[in-house]
């Protein structure tokens, strides 16, 4: 069985003039190597396809794969994560992880929270700001938290993301809208403990494998800088027994609400009353064997990297009725 790998290699874009922040969500060679080694351990033949541009070239040459392991994030627009799976759908090529619709609504955190909250999962009150004048309509209770609506890996999040006045809101919203060329999502700030929960499987077969608490220096937000240098700024620890059940329940309900497939992460945080609220879903979670959150929290649960990849692939194969 031949498995193709679609991904955005960070060095490929850096060589073409993109910045470190532009490429924050893209993968290192060690991630691709780790996935390939895990697939080889399952007895699969692999082929590195690469990004959307390289996938288009391969398809034009008539190449085919029995399954594609897709972790391509894309570069531009709300649908950047959806491009590769949408293209594979048109060629009727099976792939690992969620499809274009789920990836699109999850990347747009405003749409994601609407879907999740409609399923009864707790979320913090919030609103979308598409222009600085929208700040005048804000009736949320301060302090607030603001971030770009369709970014990941903490992009756009800094110590200025926690807002304590309308003037701070207007200034930061204006900056984010201009810098990232997209609306900003503002929510009532969740001041409590922050967790990320790993989910594997699809539909009724989905289950929470566990999670970890994220503790950042000086109680600052889990930003792009902190994620890039987590060993200097952050401390991770497995979920405490007193909170594990609720965190896993909220994350699993959110995962099922958005229709996530095969595996991913759901980020949650406690509000001022200690209630766990949904922050965002990550159906294309990072898979670096050493540094990414999902493999780290999986190890806390006794699931080593190769087993994690195997469980993810087996979920996809079951959906497509594929046999090795």
C-alpha atoms as a PDB file:
ATOM      1  CA  UNK A   1       0.000   0.000   0.000  1.00  0.00           C
ATOM      2  CA  UNK A   2       1.433   3.358  -1.079  1.00  0.00           C
ATOM      3  CA  UNK A   3       0.934   6.389   1.167  1.00  0.00           C
ATOM      4  CA  UNK A   4       1.696   9.887  -0.090  1.00  0.00           C
ATOM      5  CA  UNK A   5       2.610  12.708   2.298  1.00  0.00           C
ATOM      6  CA  UNK A   6       1.375  16.255   1.753  1.00  0.00           C
ATOM      7  CA  UNK A   7       2.927  18.955   3.941  1.00  0.00           C
ATOM      8  CA  UNK A   8       4.308  22.475   3.966  1.00  0.00           C
ATOM      9  CA  UNK A   9       8.019  22.295   4.676  1.00  0.00           C
ATOM     10  CA  UNK A  10       9.132  25.407   6.519  1.00  0.00           C
ATOM     11  CA  UNK A  11      12.540  25.570   4.847  1.00  0.00           C
ATOM     12  CA  UNK A  12      10.908  25.480   1.381  1.00  0.00           C
ATOM     13  CA  UNK A  13       9.119  28.766   2.153  1.00  0.00           C
ATOM     14  CA  UNK A  14      12.005  30.384   4.050  1.00  0.00           C
ATOM     15  CA  UNK A  15      14.189  29.811   0.999  1.00  0.00           C
ATOM     16  CA  UNK A  16      11.628  31.798  -1.001  1.00  0.00           C
ATOM     17  CA  UNK A  17      11.685  34.847   1.267  1.00  0.00           C
ATOM     18  CA  UNK A  18       8.872  34.156   3.716  1.00  0.00           C
ATOM     19  CA  UNK A  19       9.437  35.145   7.364  1.00  0.00           C
ATOM     20  CA  UNK A  20       9.624  32.940  10.457  1.00  0.00           C
ATOM     21  CA  UNK A  21       6.195  34.201  11.547  1.00  0.00           C
ATOM     22  CA  UNK A  22       4.715  33.632   8.075  1.00  0.00           C
ATOM     23  CA  UNK A  23       5.842  30.003   8.273  1.00  0.00           C
ATOM     24  CA  UNK A  24       5.088  29.405  11.967  1.00  0.00           C
ATOM     25  CA  UNK A  25       2.607  26.609  11.251  1.00  0.00           C
ATOM     26  CA  UNK A  26       4.778  24.796   8.719  1.00  0.00           C
ATOM     27  CA  UNK A  27       6.748  21.636   9.391  1.00  0.00           C
ATOM     28  CA  UNK A  28      10.370  20.755   9.967  1.00  0.00           C
ATOM     29  CA  UNK A  29      12.060  17.907   8.116  1.00  0.00           C
ATOM     30  CA  UNK A  30      12.125  15.974  11.396  1.00  0.00           C
ATOM     31  CA  UNK A  31       8.317  15.882  11.402  1.00  0.00           C
ATOM     32  CA  UNK A  32       8.168  14.377   7.917  1.00  0.00           C
ATOM     33  CA  UNK A  33      10.871  11.871   8.826  1.00  0.00           C
ATOM     34  CA  UNK A  34       9.014  10.848  11.962  1.00  0.00           C
ATOM     35  CA  UNK A  35       5.769  10.256  10.086  1.00  0.00           C
ATOM     36  CA  UNK A  36       7.542   8.324   7.317  1.00  0.00           C
ATOM     37  CA  UNK A  37       9.325   6.090   9.803  1.00  0.00           C
ATOM     38  CA  UNK A  38       6.054   5.347  11.596  1.00  0.00           C
ATOM     39  CA  UNK A  39       4.362   4.481   8.290  1.00  0.00           C
ATOM     40  CA  UNK A  40       7.277   2.272   7.257  1.00  0.00           C
ATOM     41  CA  UNK A  41       6.915   0.504  10.597  1.00  0.00           C
ATOM     42  CA  UNK A  42       3.320  -0.281   9.608  1.00  0.00           C
ATOM     43  CA  UNK A  43       4.598  -1.839   6.374  1.00  0.00           C
ATOM     44  CA  UNK A  44       3.593   0.984   4.014  1.00  0.00           C
ATOM     45  CA  UNK A  45       5.549   2.387   1.096  1.00  0.00           C
ATOM     46  CA  UNK A  46       5.706   6.193   1.241  1.00  0.00           C
ATOM     47  CA  UNK A  47       6.225   9.052  -1.187  1.00  0.00           C
ATOM     48  CA  UNK A  48       6.879  12.661  -0.215  1.00  0.00           C
ATOM     49  CA  UNK A  49       4.527  14.815  -2.284  1.00  0.00           C
ATOM     50  CA  UNK A  50       4.962  18.185  -0.559  1.00  0.00           C
ATOM     51  CA  UNK A  51       2.759  21.281  -0.672  1.00  0.00           C
ATOM     52  CA  UNK A  52      -0.273  22.175  -2.792  1.00  0.00           C
ATOM     53  CA  UNK A  53       1.888  23.349  -5.701  1.00  0.00           C
ATOM     54  CA  UNK A  54       3.846  20.107  -5.707  1.00  0.00           C
ATOM     55  CA  UNK A  55       0.645  18.075  -5.348  1.00  0.00           C
ATOM     56  CA  UNK A  56      -0.836  19.743  -8.431  1.00  0.00           C
ATOM     57  CA  UNK A  57       2.314  18.899 -10.412  1.00  0.00           C
ATOM     58  CA  UNK A  58       2.204  15.277  -9.250  1.00  0.00           C
ATOM     59  CA  UNK A  59      -1.460  14.893 -10.177  1.00  0.00           C
ATOM     60  CA  UNK A  60      -0.797  16.412 -13.597  1.00  0.00           C
ATOM     61  CA  UNK A  61       1.812  13.698 -14.120  1.00  0.00           C
ATOM     62  CA  UNK A  62      -0.825  11.086 -13.341  1.00  0.00           C
ATOM     63  CA  UNK A  63       0.527   9.986  -9.971  1.00  0.00           C
ATOM     64  CA  UNK A  64      -1.789   8.117  -7.592  1.00  0.00           C
ATOM     65  CA  UNK A  65      -1.635   6.922  -4.013  1.00  0.00           C
ATOM     66  CA  UNK A  66      -3.743   4.474  -2.027  1.00  0.00           C
ATOM     67  CA  UNK A  67      -3.894   6.977   0.840  1.00  0.00           C
ATOM     68  CA  UNK A  68      -2.512  10.452   1.495  1.00  0.00           C
ATOM     69  CA  UNK A  69      -1.309  11.487   4.948  1.00  0.00           C
ATOM     70  CA  UNK A  70      -2.157  15.188   4.811  1.00  0.00           C
ATOM     71  CA  UNK A  71      -0.724  17.788   7.178  1.00  0.00           C
ATOM     72  CA  UNK A  72      -0.538  20.682   4.666  1.00  0.00           C
ATOM     73  CA  UNK A  73      -1.551  23.983   6.288  1.00  0.00           C
ATOM     74  CA  UNK A  74      -1.632  26.192   3.193  1.00  0.00           C
ATOM     75  CA  UNK A  75      -0.548  29.790   2.939  1.00  0.00           C
ATOM     76  CA  UNK A  76      -3.360  32.209   2.114  1.00  0.00           C
ATOM     77  CA  UNK A  77      -6.998  32.777   3.007  1.00  0.00           C
ATOM     78  CA  UNK A  78      -9.664  31.223   5.215  1.00  0.00           C
ATOM     79  CA  UNK A  79      -9.631  28.080   3.101  1.00  0.00           C
ATOM     80  CA  UNK A  80      -5.871  27.518   3.088  1.00  0.00           C
ATOM     81  CA  UNK A  81      -6.079  24.287   5.091  1.00  0.00           C
ATOM     82  CA  UNK A  82      -8.967  23.068   2.942  1.00  0.00           C
ATOM     83  CA  UNK A  83      -7.249  23.249  -0.459  1.00  0.00           C
ATOM     84  CA  UNK A  84      -5.355  19.938  -0.356  1.00  0.00           C
ATOM     85  CA  UNK A  85      -8.241  17.765   0.921  1.00  0.00           C
ATOM     86  CA  UNK A  86     -10.662  19.452  -1.509  1.00  0.00           C
ATOM     87  CA  UNK A  87      -8.351  18.631  -4.395  1.00  0.00           C
ATOM     88  CA  UNK A  88      -7.901  15.051  -3.209  1.00  0.00           C
ATOM     89  CA  UNK A  89     -11.692  14.715  -2.960  1.00  0.00           C
ATOM     90  CA  UNK A  90     -12.023  15.622  -6.627  1.00  0.00           C
ATOM     91  CA  UNK A  91      -9.542  12.894  -7.561  1.00  0.00           C
ATOM     92  CA  UNK A  92     -11.258  10.451  -5.188  1.00  0.00           C
ATOM     93  CA  UNK A  93      -8.020   9.856  -3.332  1.00  0.00           C
ATOM     94  CA  UNK A  94      -8.492   8.855   0.336  1.00  0.00           C
ATOM     95  CA  UNK A  95      -6.630  10.929   2.933  1.00  0.00           C
ATOM     96  CA  UNK A  96      -5.945  11.077   6.644  1.00  0.00           C
ATOM     97  CA  UNK A  97      -7.584  13.763   8.830  1.00  0.00           C
ATOM     98  CA  UNK A  98     -10.588  16.004   8.350  1.00  0.00           C
ATOM     99  CA  UNK A  99     -12.016  17.260   5.076  1.00  0.00           C
ATOM    100  CA  UNK A 100     -12.245  20.788   3.672  1.00  0.00           C
ATOM    101  CA  UNK A 101     -15.437  21.797   5.468  1.00  0.00           C
ATOM    102  CA  UNK A 102     -14.221  20.854   8.947  1.00  0.00           C
ATOM    103  CA  UNK A 103     -10.810  22.406   8.368  1.00  0.00           C
ATOM    104  CA  UNK A 104     -12.410  25.620   7.113  1.00  0.00           C
ATOM    105  CA  UNK A 105     -14.773  26.166  10.024  1.00  0.00           C
ATOM    106  CA  UNK A 106     -12.098  25.181  12.550  1.00  0.00           C
ATOM    107  CA  UNK A 107      -9.554  27.589  11.108  1.00  0.00           C
ATOM    108  CA  UNK A 108     -12.139  30.371  11.345  1.00  0.00           C
ATOM    109  CA  UNK A 109     -12.417  30.450  15.123  1.00  0.00           C
ATOM    110  CA  UNK A 110     -15.567  32.577  15.043  1.00  0.00           C
ATOM    111  CA  UNK A 111     -17.454  30.009  12.958  1.00  0.00           C
ATOM    112  CA  UNK A 112     -15.994  27.188  15.026  1.00  0.00           C
ATOM    113  CA  UNK A 113     -17.277  28.648  18.290  1.00  0.00           C
ATOM    114  CA  UNK A 114     -20.746  29.140  16.808  1.00  0.00           C
ATOM    115  CA  UNK A 115     -20.941  25.459  15.849  1.00  0.00           C
ATOM    116  CA  UNK A 116     -19.545  24.235  19.146  1.00  0.00           C
ATOM    117  CA  UNK A 117     -21.716  26.501  21.304  1.00  0.00           C
ATOM    118  CA  UNK A 118     -24.829  25.435  19.371  1.00  0.00           C
ATOM    119  CA  UNK A 119     -24.075  21.890  20.560  1.00  0.00           C
ATOM    120  CA  UNK A 120     -24.179  23.066  24.162  1.00  0.00           C
ATOM    121  CA  UNK A 121     -20.435  23.254  24.756  1.00  0.00           C
ATOM    122  CA  UNK A 122     -19.479  26.236  26.983  1.00  0.00           C
ATOM    123  CA  UNK A 123     -17.707  29.117  25.246  1.00  0.00           C
ATOM    124  CA  UNK A 124     -16.712  32.572  26.438  1.00  0.00           C
ATOM    125  CA  UNK A 125     -18.926  35.444  25.153  1.00  0.00           C
ATOM    126  CA  UNK A 126     -17.337  37.059  22.121  1.00  0.00           C
ATOM    127  CA  UNK A 127     -17.749  38.955  18.867  1.00  0.00           C
ATOM    128  CA  UNK A 128     -16.077  39.415  15.495  1.00  0.00           C
ATOM    129  CA  UNK A 129     -14.407  42.718  14.637  1.00  0.00           C
ATOM    130  CA  UNK A 130     -14.000  43.276  10.913  1.00  0.00           C
ATOM    131  CA  UNK A 131     -13.084  46.977  11.158  1.00  0.00           C
ATOM    132  CA  UNK A 132     -11.987  49.246  14.044  1.00  0.00           C
ATOM    133  CA  UNK A 133     -15.423  50.941  14.127  1.00  0.00           C
ATOM    134  CA  UNK A 134     -16.965  47.629  15.268  1.00  0.00           C
ATOM    135  CA  UNK A 135     -15.383  48.267  18.668  1.00  0.00           C
ATOM    136  CA  UNK A 136     -18.188  50.755  19.358  1.00  0.00           C
ATOM    137  CA  UNK A 137     -20.668  47.852  19.345  1.00  0.00           C
ATOM    138  CA  UNK A 138     -18.719  45.847  21.914  1.00  0.00           C
ATOM    139  CA  UNK A 139     -20.756  45.145  25.067  1.00  0.00           C
ATOM    140  CA  UNK A 140     -18.477  42.452  26.456  1.00  0.00           C
ATOM    141  CA  UNK A 141     -17.167  42.553  30.004  1.00  0.00           C
ATOM    142  CA  UNK A 142     -13.505  43.537  30.400  1.00  0.00           C
ATOM    143  CA  UNK A 143     -10.825  42.237  30.478  1.00  0.00           C
ATOM    144  CA  UNK A 144     -11.024  40.872  26.937  1.00  0.00           C
ATOM    145  CA  UNK A 145      -8.790  38.692  24.801  1.00  0.00           C
ATOM    146  CA  UNK A 146      -8.177  39.321  21.099  1.00  0.00           C
ATOM    147  CA  UNK A 147      -6.539  37.320  18.300  1.00  0.00           C
ATOM    148  CA  UNK A 148      -6.704  36.985  14.501  1.00  0.00           C
ATOM    149  CA  UNK A 149      -9.759  34.939  13.579  1.00  0.00           C
ATOM    150  CA  UNK A 150      -8.009  32.500  11.230  1.00  0.00           C
ATOM    151  CA  UNK A 151      -4.462  31.914  12.420  1.00  0.00           C
ATOM    152  CA  UNK A 152      -2.758  29.151  14.393  1.00  0.00           C
ATOM    153  CA  UNK A 153       0.377  28.450  16.422  1.00  0.00           C
ATOM    154  CA  UNK A 154      -0.256  31.548  18.515  1.00  0.00           C
ATOM    155  CA  UNK A 155       0.274  33.938  15.592  1.00  0.00           C
ATOM    156  CA  UNK A 156      -0.883  37.442  16.477  1.00  0.00           C
ATOM    157  CA  UNK A 157      -1.002  36.676  20.204  1.00  0.00           C
ATOM    158  CA  UNK A 158       1.265  38.758  22.468  1.00  0.00           C
ATOM    159  CA  UNK A 159       1.175  40.304  25.934  1.00  0.00           C
ATOM    160  CA  UNK A 160      -1.031  42.992  24.353  1.00  0.00           C
ATOM    161  CA  UNK A 161      -3.754  40.455  23.565  1.00  0.00           C
ATOM    162  CA  UNK A 162      -5.296  40.914  27.020  1.00  0.00           C
ATOM    163  CA  UNK A 163      -7.307  44.143  26.839  1.00  0.00           C
ATOM    164  CA  UNK A 164      -8.560  46.257  29.730  1.00  0.00           C
ATOM    165  CA  UNK A 165     -10.169  49.251  28.021  1.00  0.00           C
ATOM    166  CA  UNK A 166     -12.007  50.265  24.840  1.00  0.00           C
ATOM    167  CA  UNK A 167      -8.983  52.280  23.725  1.00  0.00           C
ATOM    168  CA  UNK A 168      -6.739  49.178  23.976  1.00  0.00           C
ATOM    169  CA  UNK A 169      -9.343  47.179  22.086  1.00  0.00           C
ATOM    170  CA  UNK A 170      -9.545  49.700  19.259  1.00  0.00           C
ATOM    171  CA  UNK A 171      -5.770  50.013  18.928  1.00  0.00           C
ATOM    172  CA  UNK A 172      -5.027  46.285  18.978  1.00  0.00           C
ATOM    173  CA  UNK A 173      -7.953  45.368  16.736  1.00  0.00           C
ATOM    174  CA  UNK A 174      -6.802  47.913  14.157  1.00  0.00           C
ATOM    175  CA  UNK A 175      -3.274  46.502  14.232  1.00  0.00           C
ATOM    176  CA  UNK A 176      -4.363  42.866  13.886  1.00  0.00           C
ATOM    177  CA  UNK A 177      -6.797  43.579  11.043  1.00  0.00           C
ATOM    178  CA  UNK A 178      -4.080  45.412   9.116  1.00  0.00           C
ATOM    179  CA  UNK A 179      -1.212  43.042   9.946  1.00  0.00           C
ATOM    180  CA  UNK A 180      -3.019  39.768   9.194  1.00  0.00           C
ATOM    181  CA  UNK A 181      -5.532  41.083   6.632  1.00  0.00           C
ATOM    182  CA  UNK A 182      -8.462  39.393   8.354  1.00  0.00           C
ATOM    183  CA  UNK A 183     -11.000  40.096  11.100  1.00  0.00           C
ATOM    184  CA  UNK A 184     -10.141  39.748  14.780  1.00  0.00           C
ATOM    185  CA  UNK A 185     -12.002  37.630  17.322  1.00  0.00           C
ATOM    186  CA  UNK A 186     -12.497  39.233  20.734  1.00  0.00           C
ATOM    187  CA  UNK A 187     -13.793  37.292  23.721  1.00  0.00           C
ATOM    188  CA  UNK A 188     -14.220  37.828  27.426  1.00  0.00           C
ATOM    189  CA  UNK A 189     -10.897  36.794  28.894  1.00  0.00           C
ATOM    190  CA  UNK A 190     -10.696  33.353  30.474  1.00  0.00           C
ATOM    191  CA  UNK A 191      -8.407  33.898  33.488  1.00  0.00           C
ATOM    192  CA  UNK A 192      -8.100  30.312  34.688  1.00  0.00           C
ATOM    193  CA  UNK A 193      -6.055  27.216  33.903  1.00  0.00           C
ATOM    194  CA  UNK A 194      -5.373  26.269  30.268  1.00  0.00           C
ATOM    195  CA  UNK A 195      -5.417  22.733  28.874  1.00  0.00           C
ATOM    196  CA  UNK A 196      -5.062  20.972  25.560  1.00  0.00           C
ATOM    197  CA  UNK A 197      -6.740  17.597  25.027  1.00  0.00           C
ATOM    198  CA  UNK A 198      -5.848  14.985  22.428  1.00  0.00           C
ATOM    199  CA  UNK A 199      -8.652  13.316  20.487  1.00  0.00           C
ATOM    200  CA  UNK A 200      -8.386  10.264  18.259  1.00  0.00           C
ATOM    201  CA  UNK A 201     -11.000   8.714  16.004  1.00  0.00           C
ATOM    202  CA  UNK A 202     -14.084   9.930  14.168  1.00  0.00           C
ATOM    203  CA  UNK A 203     -17.776  10.275  14.999  1.00  0.00           C
ATOM    204  CA  UNK A 204     -18.976   7.920  17.707  1.00  0.00           C
ATOM    205  CA  UNK A 205     -15.602   6.155  17.591  1.00  0.00           C
ATOM    206  CA  UNK A 206     -13.811   9.317  18.750  1.00  0.00           C
ATOM    207  CA  UNK A 207     -12.250   9.317  22.203  1.00  0.00           C
ATOM    208  CA  UNK A 208     -10.077  11.584  24.331  1.00  0.00           C
ATOM    209  CA  UNK A 209      -6.693  10.021  25.012  1.00  0.00           C
ATOM    210  CA  UNK A 210      -5.773  12.571  27.679  1.00  0.00           C
ATOM    211  CA  UNK A 211      -4.350  16.038  27.866  1.00  0.00           C
ATOM    212  CA  UNK A 212      -1.953  18.388  29.555  1.00  0.00           C
ATOM    213  CA  UNK A 213      -2.014  21.670  31.389  1.00  0.00           C
ATOM    214  CA  UNK A 214      -0.044  24.563  29.892  1.00  0.00           C
ATOM    215  CA  UNK A 215       1.542  26.913  32.423  1.00  0.00           C
ATOM    216  CA  UNK A 216       3.274  29.973  30.960  1.00  0.00           C
ATOM    217  CA  UNK A 217       5.758  32.301  32.631  1.00  0.00           C
ATOM    218  CA  UNK A 218       4.269  35.368  34.318  1.00  0.00           C
ATOM    219  CA  UNK A 219       0.759  34.144  33.432  1.00  0.00           C
ATOM    220  CA  UNK A 220       1.177  35.543  29.908  1.00  0.00           C
ATOM    221  CA  UNK A 221      -0.761  34.166  26.892  1.00  0.00           C
ATOM    222  CA  UNK A 222       0.399  31.019  25.096  1.00  0.00           C
ATOM    223  CA  UNK A 223       1.744  33.037  22.176  1.00  0.00           C
ATOM    224  CA  UNK A 224       3.705  32.309  19.002  1.00  0.00           C
ATOM    225  CA  UNK A 225       6.937  33.254  20.780  1.00  0.00           C
ATOM    226  CA  UNK A 226       6.161  30.984  23.716  1.00  0.00           C
ATOM    227  CA  UNK A 227       5.244  28.049  21.467  1.00  0.00           C
ATOM    228  CA  UNK A 228       8.464  28.484  19.480  1.00  0.00           C
ATOM    229  CA  UNK A 229      10.493  28.508  22.718  1.00  0.00           C
ATOM    230  CA  UNK A 230       8.254  26.495  25.022  1.00  0.00           C
ATOM    231  CA  UNK A 231      11.144  24.985  26.990  1.00  0.00           C
ATOM    232  CA  UNK A 232      12.166  28.494  28.144  1.00  0.00           C
ATOM    233  CA  UNK A 233       8.722  29.964  28.816  1.00  0.00           C
ATOM    234  CA  UNK A 234       6.244  27.149  29.483  1.00  0.00           C
ATOM    235  CA  UNK A 235       5.748  24.133  31.664  1.00  0.00           C
ATOM    236  CA  UNK A 236       3.552  21.190  30.681  1.00  0.00           C
ATOM    237  CA  UNK A 237       2.058  18.656  33.036  1.00  0.00           C
ATOM    238  CA  UNK A 238      -0.523  15.853  32.679  1.00  0.00           C
ATOM    239  CA  UNK A 239      -4.136  16.624  33.545  1.00  0.00           C
ATOM    240  CA  UNK A 240      -4.850  16.504  37.263  1.00  0.00           C
ATOM    241  CA  UNK A 241      -7.441  13.925  38.236  1.00  0.00           C
ATOM    242  CA  UNK A 242      -9.771  16.604  39.610  1.00  0.00           C
ATOM    243  CA  UNK A 243     -10.054  18.310  36.201  1.00  0.00           C
ATOM    244  CA  UNK A 244      -9.362  15.517  33.695  1.00  0.00           C
ATOM    245  CA  UNK A 245     -12.931  14.264  33.356  1.00  0.00           C
ATOM    246  CA  UNK A 246     -14.470  17.671  32.643  1.00  0.00           C
ATOM    247  CA  UNK A 247     -11.647  18.748  30.294  1.00  0.00           C
ATOM    248  CA  UNK A 248     -11.890  15.552  28.257  1.00  0.00           C
ATOM    249  CA  UNK A 249     -15.692  15.730  28.146  1.00  0.00           C
ATOM    250  CA  UNK A 250     -15.768  19.341  26.882  1.00  0.00           C
ATOM    251  CA  UNK A 251     -13.053  18.606  24.302  1.00  0.00           C
ATOM    252  CA  UNK A 252     -14.725  15.442  23.018  1.00  0.00           C
ATOM    253  CA  UNK A 253     -18.123  17.122  22.695  1.00  0.00           C
ATOM    254  CA  UNK A 254     -16.510  19.976  20.764  1.00  0.00           C
ATOM    255  CA  UNK A 255     -14.681  17.519  18.490  1.00  0.00           C
ATOM    256  CA  UNK A 256     -17.883  15.682  17.678  1.00  0.00           C
ATOM    257  CA  UNK A 257     -19.750  18.959  17.121  1.00  0.00           C
ATOM    258  CA  UNK A 258     -17.336  20.133  14.410  1.00  0.00           C
ATOM    259  CA  UNK A 259     -17.105  16.647  12.898  1.00  0.00           C
ATOM    260  CA  UNK A 260     -13.364  16.138  13.374  1.00  0.00           C
ATOM    261  CA  UNK A 261     -11.828  13.009  11.838  1.00  0.00           C
ATOM    262  CA  UNK A 262      -8.988  10.655  12.828  1.00  0.00           C
ATOM    263  CA  UNK A 263      -7.178  12.857  15.325  1.00  0.00           C
ATOM    264  CA  UNK A 264      -6.392  16.317  16.599  1.00  0.00           C
ATOM    265  CA  UNK A 265      -6.429  18.558  19.645  1.00  0.00           C
ATOM    266  CA  UNK A 266      -8.988  20.723  21.380  1.00  0.00           C
ATOM    267  CA  UNK A 267      -7.862  23.662  23.530  1.00  0.00           C
ATOM    268  CA  UNK A 268      -9.911  24.594  26.594  1.00  0.00           C
ATOM    269  CA  UNK A 269      -9.581  26.987  29.530  1.00  0.00           C
ATOM    270  CA  UNK A 270     -11.424  27.752  32.756  1.00  0.00           C
ATOM    271  CA  UNK A 271     -13.469  30.925  33.184  1.00  0.00           C
ATOM    272  CA  UNK A 272     -13.662  33.084  36.312  1.00  0.00           C
ATOM    273  CA  UNK A 273     -16.117  30.597  37.836  1.00  0.00           C
ATOM    274  CA  UNK A 274     -13.870  27.578  37.220  1.00  0.00           C
ATOM    275  CA  UNK A 275     -16.019  26.264  34.359  1.00  0.00           C
ATOM    276  CA  UNK A 276     -14.080  24.778  31.440  1.00  0.00           C
ATOM    277  CA  UNK A 277     -14.780  26.545  28.145  1.00  0.00           C
ATOM    278  CA  UNK A 278     -13.890  25.698  24.565  1.00  0.00           C
ATOM    279  CA  UNK A 279     -11.196  27.851  22.953  1.00  0.00           C
ATOM    280  CA  UNK A 280     -10.525  26.223  19.598  1.00  0.00           C
ATOM    281  CA  UNK A 281     -10.222  22.918  17.764  1.00  0.00           C
ATOM    282  CA  UNK A 282      -7.090  21.817  15.933  1.00  0.00           C
ATOM    283  CA  UNK A 283      -7.991  19.089  13.415  1.00  0.00           C
ATOM    284  CA  UNK A 284      -4.520  19.460  11.837  1.00  0.00           C
ATOM    285  CA  UNK A 285      -2.503  19.296  15.047  1.00  0.00           C
ATOM    286  CA  UNK A 286       1.282  19.472  14.923  1.00  0.00           C
ATOM    287  CA  UNK A 287       3.001  16.074  14.732  1.00  0.00           C
ATOM    288  CA  UNK A 288       6.653  16.765  15.418  1.00  0.00           C
ATOM    289  CA  UNK A 289       7.823  13.712  17.391  1.00  0.00           C
ATOM    290  CA  UNK A 290       9.546  15.847  20.038  1.00  0.00           C
ATOM    291  CA  UNK A 291       8.056  19.339  20.164  1.00  0.00           C
ATOM    292  CA  UNK A 292       4.373  19.136  19.190  1.00  0.00           C
ATOM    293  CA  UNK A 293       1.639  19.170  21.826  1.00  0.00           C
ATOM    294  CA  UNK A 294      -0.264  16.093  20.619  1.00  0.00           C
ATOM    295  CA  UNK A 295       2.737  13.718  20.708  1.00  0.00           C
ATOM    296  CA  UNK A 296       3.829  15.196  24.058  1.00  0.00           C
ATOM    297  CA  UNK A 297       0.466  14.665  25.748  1.00  0.00           C
ATOM    298  CA  UNK A 298       0.155  11.231  24.134  1.00  0.00           C
ATOM    299  CA  UNK A 299       3.443  10.217  25.772  1.00  0.00           C
ATOM    300  CA  UNK A 300       1.993  11.251  29.131  1.00  0.00           C
ATOM    301  CA  UNK A 301      -0.663   8.587  28.488  1.00  0.00           C
ATOM    302  CA  UNK A 302       1.875   5.918  27.515  1.00  0.00           C
ATOM    303  CA  UNK A 303       1.235   6.266  23.763  1.00  0.00           C
ATOM    304  CA  UNK A 304       4.538   6.511  21.922  1.00  0.00           C
ATOM    305  CA  UNK A 305       4.828   8.337  18.609  1.00  0.00           C
ATOM    306  CA  UNK A 306       4.623   5.357  16.255  1.00  0.00           C
ATOM    307  CA  UNK A 307       1.527   4.073  18.032  1.00  0.00           C
ATOM    308  CA  UNK A 308      -0.069   7.529  17.820  1.00  0.00           C
ATOM    309  CA  UNK A 309       0.458   7.647  14.045  1.00  0.00           C
ATOM    310  CA  UNK A 310      -0.785   4.062  13.704  1.00  0.00           C
ATOM    311  CA  UNK A 311      -4.025   4.840  15.547  1.00  0.00           C
ATOM    312  CA  UNK A 312      -4.597   7.891  13.347  1.00  0.00           C
ATOM    313  CA  UNK A 313      -3.979   5.959  10.122  1.00  0.00           C
ATOM    314  CA  UNK A 314      -6.171   3.060  11.197  1.00  0.00           C
ATOM    315  CA  UNK A 315      -9.017   5.487  11.858  1.00  0.00           C
ATOM    316  CA  UNK A 316      -8.725   6.825   8.286  1.00  0.00           C
ATOM    317  CA  UNK A 317      -8.490   3.336   6.797  1.00  0.00           C
ATOM    318  CA  UNK A 318     -11.639   2.304   8.648  1.00  0.00           C
ATOM    319  CA  UNK A 319     -13.529   5.312   7.242  1.00  0.00           C
ATOM    320  CA  UNK A 320     -12.533   4.398   3.691  1.00  0.00           C
ATOM    321  CA  UNK A 321     -12.801   0.627   4.167  1.00  0.00           C
ATOM    322  CA  UNK A 322      -9.157   0.242   3.192  1.00  0.00           C
ATOM    323  CA  UNK A 323      -7.021  -2.785   3.942  1.00  0.00           C
ATOM    324  CA  UNK A 324      -3.262  -2.762   4.133  1.00  0.00           C
END
